[in-house]
Amino acid sequence: MIRTLFVLLIAAFALSAHAAVDVNKASQAELETIKGIGPSMSGRMLEERKKGSFKDWPDMVGRVKGIGQGNAGKFAADGLTVNGSGFKPELLASSKGGSRADKKQTADAAHDMATSRK
């Protein structure tokens, strides 16, 4: 009986160790349970979260210094989620392409406005 209880307790602990940690809901201590996230990284995440919840992985990667595609993949593999979603590298790649196009379009519009004033 005690042996069974002990095995169940260890199994429950093992499952909770790999439970998902959502970046928009987690405390600093909970964030630090993710391998690779220490006090500095969790602090940056929490500071950015104060400005508004993270919409998705590309939003978090863009706002939190030190998180790139590699770290995002590692964090997700260890249980970190953004709004319950795991990391998908293709979403990050497509959002980067879109942001470059948006920046170019904005720069072109600013240039057009500047030249039209002359």
PDB file of N, CA and C in Angstrom:
ATOM      1  N   MET A   1       0.826  -1.200   0.000  1.00  0.00           N
ATOM      2  CA  MET A   1       0.000   0.000   0.000  1.00  0.00           C
ATOM      3  C   MET A   1       0.865   1.256   0.000  1.00  0.00           C
ATOM      4  N   ILE A   2       1.814   1.331   0.897  1.00  0.00           N
ATOM      5  CA  ILE A   2       2.692   2.495   0.969  1.00  0.00           C
ATOM      6  C   ILE A   2       3.517   2.597  -0.319  1.00  0.00           C
ATOM      7  N   ARG A   3       3.934   1.459  -0.810  1.00  0.00           N
ATOM      8  CA  ARG A   3       4.724   1.441  -2.048  1.00  0.00           C
ATOM      9  C   ARG A   3       3.903   2.002  -3.216  1.00  0.00           C
ATOM     10  N   THR A   4       2.652   1.629  -3.324  1.00  0.00           N
ATOM     11  CA  THR A   4       1.773   2.124  -4.376  1.00  0.00           C
ATOM     12  C   THR A   4       1.564   3.630  -4.241  1.00  0.00           C
ATOM     13  N   LEU A   5       1.349   4.063  -3.040  1.00  0.00           N
ATOM     14  CA  LEU A   5       1.168   5.494  -2.780  1.00  0.00           C
ATOM     15  C   LEU A   5       2.422   6.276  -3.166  1.00  0.00           C
ATOM     16  N   PHE A   6       3.570   5.736  -2.837  1.00  0.00           N
ATOM     17  CA  PHE A   6       4.836   6.366  -3.183  1.00  0.00           C
ATOM     18  C   PHE A   6       5.017   6.463  -4.701  1.00  0.00           C
ATOM     19  N   VAL A   7       4.695   5.394  -5.416  1.00  0.00           N
ATOM     20  CA  VAL A   7       4.804   5.382  -6.873  1.00  0.00           C
ATOM     21  C   VAL A   7       3.848   6.402  -7.490  1.00  0.00           C
ATOM     22  N   LEU A   8       2.645   6.477  -6.985  1.00  0.00           N
ATOM     23  CA  LEU A   8       1.677   7.459  -7.485  1.00  0.00           C
ATOM     24  C   LEU A   8       2.142   8.885  -7.219  1.00  0.00           C
ATOM     25  N   LEU A   9       2.728   9.112  -6.070  1.00  0.00           N
ATOM     26  CA  LEU A   9       3.238  10.439  -5.727  1.00  0.00           C
ATOM     27  C   LEU A   9       4.362  10.842  -6.674  1.00  0.00           C
ATOM     28  N   ILE A  10       5.259   9.931  -6.961  1.00  0.00           N
ATOM     29  CA  ILE A  10       6.363  10.217  -7.882  1.00  0.00           C
ATOM     30  C   ILE A  10       5.826  10.450  -9.299  1.00  0.00           C
ATOM     31  N   ALA A  11       4.845   9.672  -9.718  1.00  0.00           N
ATOM     32  CA  ALA A  11       4.256   9.846 -11.045  1.00  0.00           C
ATOM     33  C   ALA A  11       3.579  11.218 -11.155  1.00  0.00           C
ATOM     34  N   ALA A  12       2.872  11.618 -10.127  1.00  0.00           N
ATOM     35  CA  ALA A  12       2.208  12.927 -10.133  1.00  0.00           C
ATOM     36  C   ALA A  12       3.237  14.050 -10.201  1.00  0.00           C
ATOM     37  N   PHE A  13       4.327  13.903  -9.470  1.00  0.00           N
ATOM     38  CA  PHE A  13       5.391  14.908  -9.501  1.00  0.00           C
ATOM     39  C   PHE A  13       6.018  14.994 -10.884  1.00  0.00           C
ATOM     40  N   ALA A  14       6.258  13.859 -11.508  1.00  0.00           N
ATOM     41  CA  ALA A  14       6.858  13.834 -12.846  1.00  0.00           C
ATOM     42  C   ALA A  14       5.947  14.511 -13.864  1.00  0.00           C
ATOM     43  N   LEU A  15       4.657  14.279 -13.769  1.00  0.00           N
ATOM     44  CA  LEU A  15       3.712  14.912 -14.699  1.00  0.00           C
ATOM     45  C   LEU A  15       3.641  16.414 -14.479  1.00  0.00           C
ATOM     46  N   SER A  16       3.672  16.840 -13.230  1.00  0.00           N
ATOM     47  CA  SER A  16       3.594  18.274 -12.960  1.00  0.00           C
ATOM     48  C   SER A  16       4.873  18.987 -13.363  1.00  0.00           C
ATOM     49  N   ALA A  17       5.990  18.280 -13.368  1.00  0.00           N
ATOM     50  CA  ALA A  17       7.251  18.896 -13.770  1.00  0.00           C
ATOM     51  C   ALA A  17       7.234  19.271 -15.251  1.00  0.00           C
ATOM     52  N   HIS A  18       6.468  18.555 -16.050  1.00  0.00           N
ATOM     53  CA  HIS A  18       6.389  18.844 -17.479  1.00  0.00           C
ATOM     54  C   HIS A  18       5.067  19.493 -17.859  1.00  0.00           C
ATOM     55  N   ALA A  19       4.360  20.025 -16.898  1.00  0.00           N
ATOM     56  CA  ALA A  19       3.099  20.698 -17.186  1.00  0.00           C
ATOM     57  C   ALA A  19       3.377  22.003 -17.915  1.00  0.00           C
ATOM     58  N   ALA A  20       2.447  22.398 -18.736  1.00  0.00           N
ATOM     59  CA  ALA A  20       2.603  23.626 -19.511  1.00  0.00           C
ATOM     60  C   ALA A  20       2.623  24.847 -18.589  1.00  0.00           C
ATOM     61  N   VAL A  21       3.480  25.779 -18.938  1.00  0.00           N
ATOM     62  CA  VAL A  21       3.588  27.046 -18.218  1.00  0.00           C
ATOM     63  C   VAL A  21       3.272  28.133 -19.237  1.00  0.00           C
ATOM     64  N   ASP A  22       2.169  28.847 -19.049  1.00  0.00           N
ATOM     65  CA  ASP A  22       1.795  29.900 -19.986  1.00  0.00           C
ATOM     66  C   ASP A  22       2.461  31.207 -19.570  1.00  0.00           C
ATOM     67  N   VAL A  23       3.168  31.817 -20.486  1.00  0.00           N
ATOM     68  CA  VAL A  23       3.935  33.030 -20.211  1.00  0.00           C
ATOM     69  C   VAL A  23       3.030  34.182 -19.765  1.00  0.00           C
ATOM     70  N   ASN A  24       1.772  34.177 -20.169  1.00  0.00           N
ATOM     71  CA  ASN A  24       0.863  35.261 -19.792  1.00  0.00           C
ATOM     72  C   ASN A  24       0.248  35.083 -18.406  1.00  0.00           C
ATOM     73  N   LYS A  25       0.412  33.907 -17.810  1.00  0.00           N
ATOM     74  CA  LYS A  25      -0.206  33.643 -16.508  1.00  0.00           C
ATOM     75  C   LYS A  25       0.795  33.282 -15.427  1.00  0.00           C
ATOM     76  N   ALA A  26       1.993  32.899 -15.815  1.00  0.00           N
ATOM     77  CA  ALA A  26       2.968  32.347 -14.876  1.00  0.00           C
ATOM     78  C   ALA A  26       3.623  33.418 -14.009  1.00  0.00           C
ATOM     79  N   SER A  27       3.968  33.009 -12.804  1.00  0.00           N
ATOM     80  CA  SER A  27       4.755  33.858 -11.916  1.00  0.00           C
ATOM     81  C   SER A  27       6.223  33.740 -12.318  1.00  0.00           C
ATOM     82  N   GLN A  28       7.057  34.552 -11.708  1.00  0.00           N
ATOM     83  CA  GLN A  28       8.480  34.477 -12.004  1.00  0.00           C
ATOM     84  C   GLN A  28       9.027  33.094 -11.640  1.00  0.00           C
ATOM     85  N   ALA A  29       8.620  32.571 -10.512  1.00  0.00           N
ATOM     86  CA  ALA A  29       9.093  31.247 -10.089  1.00  0.00           C
ATOM     87  C   ALA A  29       8.658  30.164 -11.077  1.00  0.00           C
ATOM     88  N   GLU A  30       7.430  30.258 -11.566  1.00  0.00           N
ATOM     89  CA  GLU A  30       6.942  29.273 -12.537  1.00  0.00           C
ATOM     90  C   GLU A  30       7.705  29.372 -13.856  1.00  0.00           C
ATOM     91  N   LEU A  31       7.990  30.594 -14.307  1.00  0.00           N
ATOM     92  CA  LEU A  31       8.762  30.762 -15.531  1.00  0.00           C
ATOM     93  C   LEU A  31      10.149  30.147 -15.384  1.00  0.00           C
ATOM     94  N   GLU A  32      10.728  30.280 -14.211  1.00  0.00           N
ATOM     95  CA  GLU A  32      12.076  29.781 -13.977  1.00  0.00           C
ATOM     96  C   GLU A  32      12.145  28.252 -13.870  1.00  0.00           C
ATOM     97  N   THR A  33      11.001  27.589 -13.885  1.00  0.00           N
ATOM     98  CA  THR A  33      11.024  26.127 -13.928  1.00  0.00           C
ATOM     99  C   THR A  33      11.334  25.627 -15.329  1.00  0.00           C
ATOM    100  N   ILE A  34      11.249  26.514 -16.319  1.00  0.00           N
ATOM    101  CA  ILE A  34      11.567  26.158 -17.703  1.00  0.00           C
ATOM    102  C   ILE A  34      13.084  26.211 -17.871  1.00  0.00           C
ATOM    103  N   LYS A  35      13.650  25.145 -18.387  1.00  0.00           N
ATOM    104  CA  LYS A  35      15.102  25.075 -18.582  1.00  0.00           C
ATOM    105  C   LYS A  35      15.549  26.202 -19.510  1.00  0.00           C
ATOM    106  N   GLY A  36      16.540  26.970 -19.061  1.00  0.00           N
ATOM    107  CA  GLY A  36      17.065  28.079 -19.854  1.00  0.00           C
ATOM    108  C   GLY A  36      16.510  29.437 -19.457  1.00  0.00           C
ATOM    109  N   ILE A  37      15.454  29.445 -18.648  1.00  0.00           N
ATOM    110  CA  ILE A  37      14.901  30.717 -18.183  1.00  0.00           C
ATOM    111  C   ILE A  37      15.350  30.932 -16.744  1.00  0.00           C
ATOM    112  N   GLY A  38      16.168  31.944 -16.566  1.00  0.00           N
ATOM    113  CA  GLY A  38      16.652  32.297 -15.238  1.00  0.00           C
ATOM    114  C   GLY A  38      16.006  33.582 -14.769  1.00  0.00           C
ATOM    115  N   PRO A  39      16.514  34.137 -13.682  1.00  0.00           N
ATOM    116  CA  PRO A  39      15.930  35.369 -13.139  1.00  0.00           C
ATOM    117  C   PRO A  39      15.945  36.540 -14.119  1.00  0.00           C
ATOM    118  N   SER A  40      17.002  36.676 -14.899  1.00  0.00           N
ATOM    119  CA  SER A  40      17.095  37.787 -15.835  1.00  0.00           C
ATOM    120  C   SER A  40      16.060  37.668 -16.950  1.00  0.00           C
ATOM    121  N   MET A  41      15.985  36.497 -17.564  1.00  0.00           N
ATOM    122  CA  MET A  41      15.041  36.277 -18.670  1.00  0.00           C
ATOM    123  C   MET A  41      13.600  36.380 -18.173  1.00  0.00           C
ATOM    124  N   SER A  42      13.310  35.758 -17.038  1.00  0.00           N
ATOM    125  CA  SER A  42      11.936  35.823 -16.521  1.00  0.00           C
ATOM    126  C   SER A  42      11.564  37.260 -16.175  1.00  0.00           C
ATOM    127  N   GLY A  43      12.533  38.024 -15.671  1.00  0.00           N
ATOM    128  CA  GLY A  43      12.277  39.433 -15.368  1.00  0.00           C
ATOM    129  C   GLY A  43      11.927  40.231 -16.616  1.00  0.00           C
ATOM    130  N   ARG A  44      12.657  39.974 -17.714  1.00  0.00           N
ATOM    131  CA  ARG A  44      12.360  40.666 -18.980  1.00  0.00           C
ATOM    132  C   ARG A  44      10.975  40.273 -19.496  1.00  0.00           C
ATOM    133  N   MET A  45      10.640  39.006 -19.346  1.00  0.00           N
ATOM    134  CA  MET A  45       9.310  38.539 -19.786  1.00  0.00           C
ATOM    135  C   MET A  45       8.212  39.243 -18.991  1.00  0.00           C
ATOM    136  N   LEU A  46       8.395  39.306 -17.683  1.00  0.00           N
ATOM    137  CA  LEU A  46       7.373  39.929 -16.839  1.00  0.00           C
ATOM    138  C   LEU A  46       7.263  41.433 -17.099  1.00  0.00           C
ATOM    139  N   GLU A  47       8.389  42.103 -17.349  1.00  0.00           N
ATOM    140  CA  GLU A  47       8.353  43.540 -17.661  1.00  0.00           C
ATOM    141  C   GLU A  47       7.578  43.799 -18.943  1.00  0.00           C
ATOM    142  N   GLU A  48       7.831  42.990 -19.964  1.00  0.00           N
ATOM    143  CA  GLU A  48       7.104  43.156 -21.225  1.00  0.00           C
ATOM    144  C   GLU A  48       5.631  42.797 -21.064  1.00  0.00           C
ATOM    145  N   ARG A  49       5.352  41.801 -20.235  1.00  0.00           N
ATOM    146  CA  ARG A  49       3.964  41.393 -20.019  1.00  0.00           C
ATOM    147  C   ARG A  49       3.158  42.498 -19.340  1.00  0.00           C
ATOM    148  N   LYS A  50       3.830  43.330 -18.528  1.00  0.00           N
ATOM    149  CA  LYS A  50       3.137  44.458 -17.884  1.00  0.00           C
ATOM    150  C   LYS A  50       2.588  45.435 -18.923  1.00  0.00           C
ATOM    151  N   LYS A  51       3.243  45.510 -20.074  1.00  0.00           N
ATOM    152  CA  LYS A  51       2.809  46.409 -21.153  1.00  0.00           C
ATOM    153  C   LYS A  51       1.619  45.846 -21.910  1.00  0.00           C
ATOM    154  N   GLY A  52       1.359  44.567 -21.722  1.00  0.00           N
ATOM    155  CA  GLY A  52       0.251  43.905 -22.402  1.00  0.00           C
ATOM    156  C   GLY A  52       0.572  42.436 -22.589  1.00  0.00           C
ATOM    157  N   SER A  53      -0.452  41.616 -22.572  1.00  0.00           N
ATOM    158  CA  SER A  53      -0.259  40.185 -22.760  1.00  0.00           C
ATOM    159  C   SER A  53       0.364  39.907 -24.113  1.00  0.00           C
ATOM    160  N   PHE A  54       1.110  38.819 -24.175  1.00  0.00           N
ATOM    161  CA  PHE A  54       1.689  38.393 -25.450  1.00  0.00           C
ATOM    162  C   PHE A  54       0.585  37.754 -26.277  1.00  0.00           C
ATOM    163  N   LYS A  55       0.456  38.171 -27.540  1.00  0.00           N
ATOM    164  CA  LYS A  55      -0.581  37.624 -28.421  1.00  0.00           C
ATOM    165  C   LYS A  55      -0.230  36.223 -28.888  1.00  0.00           C
ATOM    166  N   ASP A  56       1.043  36.043 -29.243  1.00  0.00           N
ATOM    167  CA  ASP A  56       1.503  34.769 -29.797  1.00  0.00           C
ATOM    168  C   ASP A  56       3.024  34.717 -29.677  1.00  0.00           C
ATOM    169  N   TRP A  57       3.611  33.633 -30.171  1.00  0.00           N
ATOM    170  CA  TRP A  57       5.061  33.478 -30.087  1.00  0.00           C
ATOM    171  C   TRP A  57       5.817  34.591 -30.810  1.00  0.00           C
ATOM    172  N   PRO A  58       5.435  34.946 -32.035  1.00  0.00           N
ATOM    173  CA  PRO A  58       6.169  36.032 -32.698  1.00  0.00           C
ATOM    174  C   PRO A  58       6.129  37.341 -31.905  1.00  0.00           C
ATOM    175  N   ASP A  59       5.021  37.620 -31.241  1.00  0.00           N
ATOM    176  CA  ASP A  59       4.906  38.814 -30.422  1.00  0.00           C
ATOM    177  C   ASP A  59       5.903  38.749 -29.265  1.00  0.00           C
ATOM    178  N   MET A  60       5.983  37.601 -28.602  1.00  0.00           N
ATOM    179  CA  MET A  60       6.900  37.462 -27.475  1.00  0.00           C
ATOM    180  C   MET A  60       8.353  37.534 -27.944  1.00  0.00           C
ATOM    181  N   VAL A  61       8.679  36.847 -29.030  1.00  0.00           N
ATOM    182  CA  VAL A  61      10.051  36.851 -29.554  1.00  0.00           C
ATOM    183  C   VAL A  61      10.459  38.269 -29.945  1.00  0.00           C
ATOM    184  N   GLY A  62       9.541  39.016 -30.509  1.00  0.00           N
ATOM    185  CA  GLY A  62       9.839  40.382 -30.911  1.00  0.00           C
ATOM    186  C   GLY A  62       9.994  41.351 -29.758  1.00  0.00           C
ATOM    187  N   ARG A  63       9.310  41.102 -28.670  1.00  0.00           N
ATOM    188  CA  ARG A  63       9.313  42.039 -27.546  1.00  0.00           C
ATOM    189  C   ARG A  63      10.334  41.731 -26.465  1.00  0.00           C
ATOM    190  N   VAL A  64      10.716  40.464 -26.292  1.00  0.00           N
ATOM    191  CA  VAL A  64      11.606  40.087 -25.192  1.00  0.00           C
ATOM    192  C   VAL A  64      13.017  39.876 -25.732  1.00  0.00           C
ATOM    193  N   LYS A  65      13.928  40.737 -25.318  1.00  0.00           N
ATOM    194  CA  LYS A  65      15.321  40.648 -25.753  1.00  0.00           C
ATOM    195  C   LYS A  65      15.918  39.325 -25.268  1.00  0.00           C
ATOM    196  N   GLY A  66      16.613  38.653 -26.183  1.00  0.00           N
ATOM    197  CA  GLY A  66      17.274  37.403 -25.819  1.00  0.00           C
ATOM    198  C   GLY A  66      16.507  36.162 -26.207  1.00  0.00           C
ATOM    199  N   ILE A  67      15.291  36.333 -26.717  1.00  0.00           N
ATOM    200  CA  ILE A  67      14.536  35.173 -27.184  1.00  0.00           C
ATOM    201  C   ILE A  67      14.503  35.229 -28.703  1.00  0.00           C
ATOM    202  N   GLY A  68      15.138  34.262 -29.296  1.00  0.00           N
ATOM    203  CA  GLY A  68      15.099  34.112 -30.747  1.00  0.00           C
ATOM    204  C   GLY A  68      14.397  32.808 -31.067  1.00  0.00           C
ATOM    205  N   GLN A  69      14.479  32.402 -32.304  1.00  0.00           N
ATOM    206  CA  GLN A  69      13.819  31.169 -32.722  1.00  0.00           C
ATOM    207  C   GLN A  69      14.371  29.961 -31.969  1.00  0.00           C
ATOM    208  N   GLY A  70      15.684  29.921 -31.771  1.00  0.00           N
ATOM    209  CA  GLY A  70      16.297  28.789 -31.070  1.00  0.00           C
ATOM    210  C   GLY A  70      15.826  28.666 -29.634  1.00  0.00           C
ATOM    211  N   ASN A  71      15.885  29.776 -28.895  1.00  0.00           N
ATOM    212  CA  ASN A  71      15.433  29.737 -27.501  1.00  0.00           C
ATOM    213  C   ASN A  71      13.935  29.470 -27.413  1.00  0.00           C
ATOM    214  N   ALA A  72      13.170  30.051 -28.305  1.00  0.00           N
ATOM    215  CA  ALA A  72      11.722  29.829 -28.275  1.00  0.00           C
ATOM    216  C   ALA A  72      11.416  28.342 -28.437  1.00  0.00           C
ATOM    217  N   GLY A  73      12.105  27.682 -29.363  1.00  0.00           N
ATOM    218  CA  GLY A  73      11.908  26.254 -29.563  1.00  0.00           C
ATOM    219  C   GLY A  73      12.286  25.444 -28.336  1.00  0.00           C
ATOM    220  N   LYS A  74      13.395  25.818 -27.697  1.00  0.00           N
ATOM    221  CA  LYS A  74      13.836  25.112 -26.485  1.00  0.00           C
ATOM    222  C   LYS A  74      12.852  25.317 -25.340  1.00  0.00           C
ATOM    223  N   PHE A  75      12.418  26.557 -25.163  1.00  0.00           N
ATOM    224  CA  PHE A  75      11.475  26.846 -24.080  1.00  0.00           C
ATOM    225  C   PHE A  75      10.166  26.089 -24.284  1.00  0.00           C
ATOM    226  N   ALA A  76       9.684  26.065 -25.522  1.00  0.00           N
ATOM    227  CA  ALA A  76       8.436  25.360 -25.826  1.00  0.00           C
ATOM    228  C   ALA A  76       8.586  23.859 -25.598  1.00  0.00           C
ATOM    229  N   ALA A  77       9.739  23.314 -25.965  1.00  0.00           N
ATOM    230  CA  ALA A  77       9.973  21.881 -25.758  1.00  0.00           C
ATOM    231  C   ALA A  77       9.960  21.530 -24.282  1.00  0.00           C
ATOM    232  N   ASP A  78      10.298  22.492 -23.437  1.00  0.00           N
ATOM    233  CA  ASP A  78      10.297  22.250 -21.992  1.00  0.00           C
ATOM    234  C   ASP A  78       8.969  22.626 -21.341  1.00  0.00           C
ATOM    235  N   GLY A  79       7.979  23.076 -22.137  1.00  0.00           N
ATOM    236  CA  GLY A  79       6.645  23.302 -21.590  1.00  0.00           C
ATOM    237  C   GLY A  79       6.123  24.723 -21.614  1.00  0.00           C
ATOM    238  N   LEU A  80       6.883  25.686 -22.126  1.00  0.00           N
ATOM    239  CA  LEU A  80       6.394  27.066 -22.167  1.00  0.00           C
ATOM    240  C   LEU A  80       5.394  27.227 -23.310  1.00  0.00           C
ATOM    241  N   THR A  81       4.305  27.911 -23.038  1.00  0.00           N
ATOM    242  CA  THR A  81       3.304  28.202 -24.056  1.00  0.00           C
ATOM    243  C   THR A  81       2.986  29.698 -24.044  1.00  0.00           C
ATOM    244  N   VAL A  82       2.416  30.162 -25.136  1.00  0.00           N
ATOM    245  CA  VAL A  82       1.897  31.530 -25.219  1.00  0.00           C
ATOM    246  C   VAL A  82       0.427  31.390 -25.567  1.00  0.00           C
ATOM    247  N   ASN A  83      -0.434  31.794 -24.652  1.00  0.00           N
ATOM    248  CA  ASN A  83      -1.884  31.618 -24.807  1.00  0.00           C
ATOM    249  C   ASN A  83      -2.244  30.162 -25.097  1.00  0.00           C
ATOM    250  N   GLY A  84      -1.543  29.244 -24.455  1.00  0.00           N
ATOM    251  CA  GLY A  84      -1.832  27.825 -24.601  1.00  0.00           C
ATOM    252  C   GLY A  84      -1.264  27.182 -25.852  1.00  0.00           C
ATOM    253  N   SER A  85      -0.570  27.955 -26.683  1.00  0.00           N
ATOM    254  CA  SER A  85      -0.035  27.419 -27.938  1.00  0.00           C
ATOM    255  C   SER A  85       1.454  27.129 -27.829  1.00  0.00           C
ATOM    256  N   GLY A  86       1.855  26.026 -28.421  1.00  0.00           N
ATOM    257  CA  GLY A  86       3.261  25.692 -28.518  1.00  0.00           C
ATOM    258  C   GLY A  86       3.915  26.495 -29.629  1.00  0.00           C
ATOM    259  N   PHE A  87       5.220  26.425 -29.682  1.00  0.00           N
ATOM    260  CA  PHE A  87       5.986  27.189 -30.666  1.00  0.00           C
ATOM    261  C   PHE A  87       5.972  26.497 -32.016  1.00  0.00           C
ATOM    262  N   LYS A  88       5.714  27.286 -33.066  1.00  0.00           N
ATOM    263  CA  LYS A  88       5.760  26.804 -34.446  1.00  0.00           C
ATOM    264  C   LYS A  88       6.706  27.730 -35.210  1.00  0.00           C
ATOM    265  N   PRO A  89       7.900  27.218 -35.580  1.00  0.00           N
ATOM    266  CA  PRO A  89       8.891  28.079 -36.242  1.00  0.00           C
ATOM    267  C   PRO A  89       8.374  28.768 -37.500  1.00  0.00           C
ATOM    268  N   GLU A  90       7.472  28.122 -38.228  1.00  0.00           N
ATOM    269  CA  GLU A  90       6.976  28.734 -39.467  1.00  0.00           C
ATOM    270  C   GLU A  90       6.176  30.008 -39.200  1.00  0.00           C
ATOM    271  N   LEU A  91       5.525  30.104 -38.035  1.00  0.00           N
ATOM    272  CA  LEU A  91       4.802  31.335 -37.692  1.00  0.00           C
ATOM    273  C   LEU A  91       5.772  32.479 -37.463  1.00  0.00           C
ATOM    274  N   LEU A  92       6.893  32.171 -36.849  1.00  0.00           N
ATOM    275  CA  LEU A  92       7.893  33.199 -36.587  1.00  0.00           C
ATOM    276  C   LEU A  92       8.511  33.667 -37.892  1.00  0.00           C
ATOM    277  N   ALA A  93       8.800  32.740 -38.785  1.00  0.00           N
ATOM    278  CA  ALA A  93       9.399  33.101 -40.073  1.00  0.00           C
ATOM    279  C   ALA A  93       8.444  33.958 -40.898  1.00  0.00           C
ATOM    280  N   SER A  94       7.166  33.594 -40.913  1.00  0.00           N
ATOM    281  CA  SER A  94       6.212  34.365 -41.707  1.00  0.00           C
ATOM    282  C   SER A  94       5.968  35.738 -41.101  1.00  0.00           C
ATOM    283  N   SER A  95       6.013  35.847 -39.780  1.00  0.00           N
ATOM    284  CA  SER A  95       5.795  37.165 -39.169  1.00  0.00           C
ATOM    285  C   SER A  95       6.994  38.073 -39.403  1.00  0.00           C
ATOM    286  N   LYS A  96       8.198  37.496 -39.445  1.00  0.00           N
ATOM    287  CA  LYS A  96       9.372  38.321 -39.721  1.00  0.00           C
ATOM    288  C   LYS A  96       9.316  38.864 -41.130  1.00  0.00           C
ATOM    289  N   GLY A  97       8.902  38.031 -42.075  1.00  0.00           N
ATOM    290  CA  GLY A  97       8.778  38.492 -43.454  1.00  0.00           C
ATOM    291  C   GLY A  97       7.776  39.609 -43.563  1.00  0.00           C
ATOM    292  N   GLY A  98       6.654  39.461 -42.865  1.00  0.00           N
ATOM    293  CA  GLY A  98       5.632  40.488 -42.890  1.00  0.00           C
ATOM    294  C   GLY A  98       6.106  41.780 -42.260  1.00  0.00           C
ATOM    295  N   SER A  99       6.863  41.686 -41.192  1.00  0.00           N
ATOM    296  CA  SER A  99       7.305  42.906 -40.534  1.00  0.00           C
ATOM    297  C   SER A  99       8.323  43.651 -41.390  1.00  0.00           C
ATOM    298  N   ARG A 100       9.161  42.926 -42.121  1.00  0.00           N
ATOM    299  CA  ARG A 100      10.105  43.596 -43.025  1.00  0.00           C
ATOM    300  C   ARG A 100       9.352  44.331 -44.124  1.00  0.00           C
ATOM    301  N   ALA A 101       8.348  43.678 -44.680  1.00  0.00           N
ATOM    302  CA  ALA A 101       7.552  44.310 -45.733  1.00  0.00           C
ATOM    303  C   ALA A 101       6.845  45.543 -45.187  1.00  0.00           C
ATOM    304  N   ASP A 102       6.311  45.429 -43.972  1.00  0.00           N
ATOM    305  CA  ASP A 102       5.645  46.575 -43.364  1.00  0.00           C
ATOM    306  C   ASP A 102       6.623  47.721 -43.144  1.00  0.00           C
ATOM    307  N   LYS A 103       7.851  47.403 -42.693  1.00  0.00           N
ATOM    308  CA  LYS A 103       8.851  48.446 -42.472  1.00  0.00           C
ATOM    309  C   LYS A 103       9.222  49.126 -43.782  1.00  0.00           C
ATOM    310  N   LYS A 104       9.377  48.329 -44.838  1.00  0.00           N
ATOM    311  CA  LYS A 104       9.729  48.896 -46.145  1.00  0.00           C
ATOM    312  C   LYS A 104       8.597  49.787 -46.639  1.00  0.00           C
ATOM    313  N   GLN A 105       7.366  49.305 -46.484  1.00  0.00           N
ATOM    314  CA  GLN A 105       6.219  50.090 -46.930  1.00  0.00           C
ATOM    315  C   GLN A 105       6.141  51.401 -46.144  1.00  0.00           C
ATOM    316  N   THR A 106       6.384  51.356 -44.851  1.00  0.00           N
ATOM    317  CA  THR A 106       6.370  52.558 -44.028  1.00  0.00           C
ATOM    318  C   THR A 106       7.483  53.509 -44.440  1.00  0.00           C
ATOM    319  N   ALA A 107       8.669  52.959 -44.684  1.00  0.00           N
ATOM    320  CA  ALA A 107       9.803  53.786 -45.116  1.00  0.00           C
ATOM    321  C   ALA A 107       9.514  54.420 -46.469  1.00  0.00           C
ATOM    322  N   ASP A 108       8.930  53.657 -47.388  1.00  0.00           N
ATOM    323  CA  ASP A 108       8.590  54.193 -48.713  1.00  0.00           C
ATOM    324  C   ASP A 108       7.564  55.317 -48.592  1.00  0.00           C
ATOM    325  N   ALA A 109       6.579  55.122 -47.733  1.00  0.00           N
ATOM    326  CA  ALA A 109       5.550  56.147 -47.551  1.00  0.00           C
ATOM    327  C   ALA A 109       6.156  57.412 -46.952  1.00  0.00           C
ATOM    328  N   ALA A 110       7.064  57.255 -46.000  1.00  0.00           N
ATOM    329  CA  ALA A 110       7.721  58.419 -45.399  1.00  0.00           C
ATOM    330  C   ALA A 110       8.565  59.149 -46.439  1.00  0.00           C
ATOM    331  N   HIS A 111       9.252  58.371 -47.268  1.00  0.00           N
ATOM    332  CA  HIS A 111      10.059  58.982 -48.332  1.00  0.00           C
ATOM    333  C   HIS A 111       9.172  59.741 -49.307  1.00  0.00           C
ATOM    334  N   ASP A 112       8.062  59.145 -49.699  1.00  0.00           N
ATOM    335  CA  ASP A 112       7.134  59.790 -50.640  1.00  0.00           C
ATOM    336  C   ASP A 112       6.599  61.103 -50.061  1.00  0.00           C
ATOM    337  N   MET A 113       6.271  61.080 -48.756  1.00  0.00           N
ATOM    338  CA  MET A 113       5.760  62.303 -48.124  1.00  0.00           C
ATOM    339  C   MET A 113       6.827  63.387 -48.092  1.00  0.00           C
ATOM    340  N   ALA A 114       8.066  62.986 -47.805  1.00  0.00           N
ATOM    341  CA  ALA A 114       9.156  63.952 -47.713  1.00  0.00           C
ATOM    342  C   ALA A 114       9.442  64.570 -49.080  1.00  0.00           C
ATOM    343  N   THR A 115       9.424  63.758 -50.127  1.00  0.00           N
ATOM    344  CA  THR A 115       9.724  64.283 -51.464  1.00  0.00           C
ATOM    345  C   THR A 115       8.568  65.089 -52.023  1.00  0.00           C
ATOM    346  N   SER A 116       7.338  64.791 -51.625  1.00  0.00           N
ATOM    347  CA  SER A 116       6.192  65.538 -52.143  1.00  0.00           C
ATOM    348  C   SER A 116       6.122  66.942 -51.535  1.00  0.00           C
ATOM    349  N   ARG A 117       6.744  67.146 -50.407  1.00  0.00           N
ATOM    350  CA  ARG A 117       6.739  68.468 -49.748  1.00  0.00           C
ATOM    351  C   ARG A 117       7.702  69.424 -50.427  1.00  0.00           C
ATOM    352  N   LYS A 118       8.652  68.886 -51.156  1.00  0.00           N
ATOM    353  CA  LYS A 118       9.688  69.753 -51.753  1.00  0.00           C
ATOM    354  C   LYS A 118       9.187  70.476 -52.965  1.00  0.00           C
TER     355      LYS A 118
END
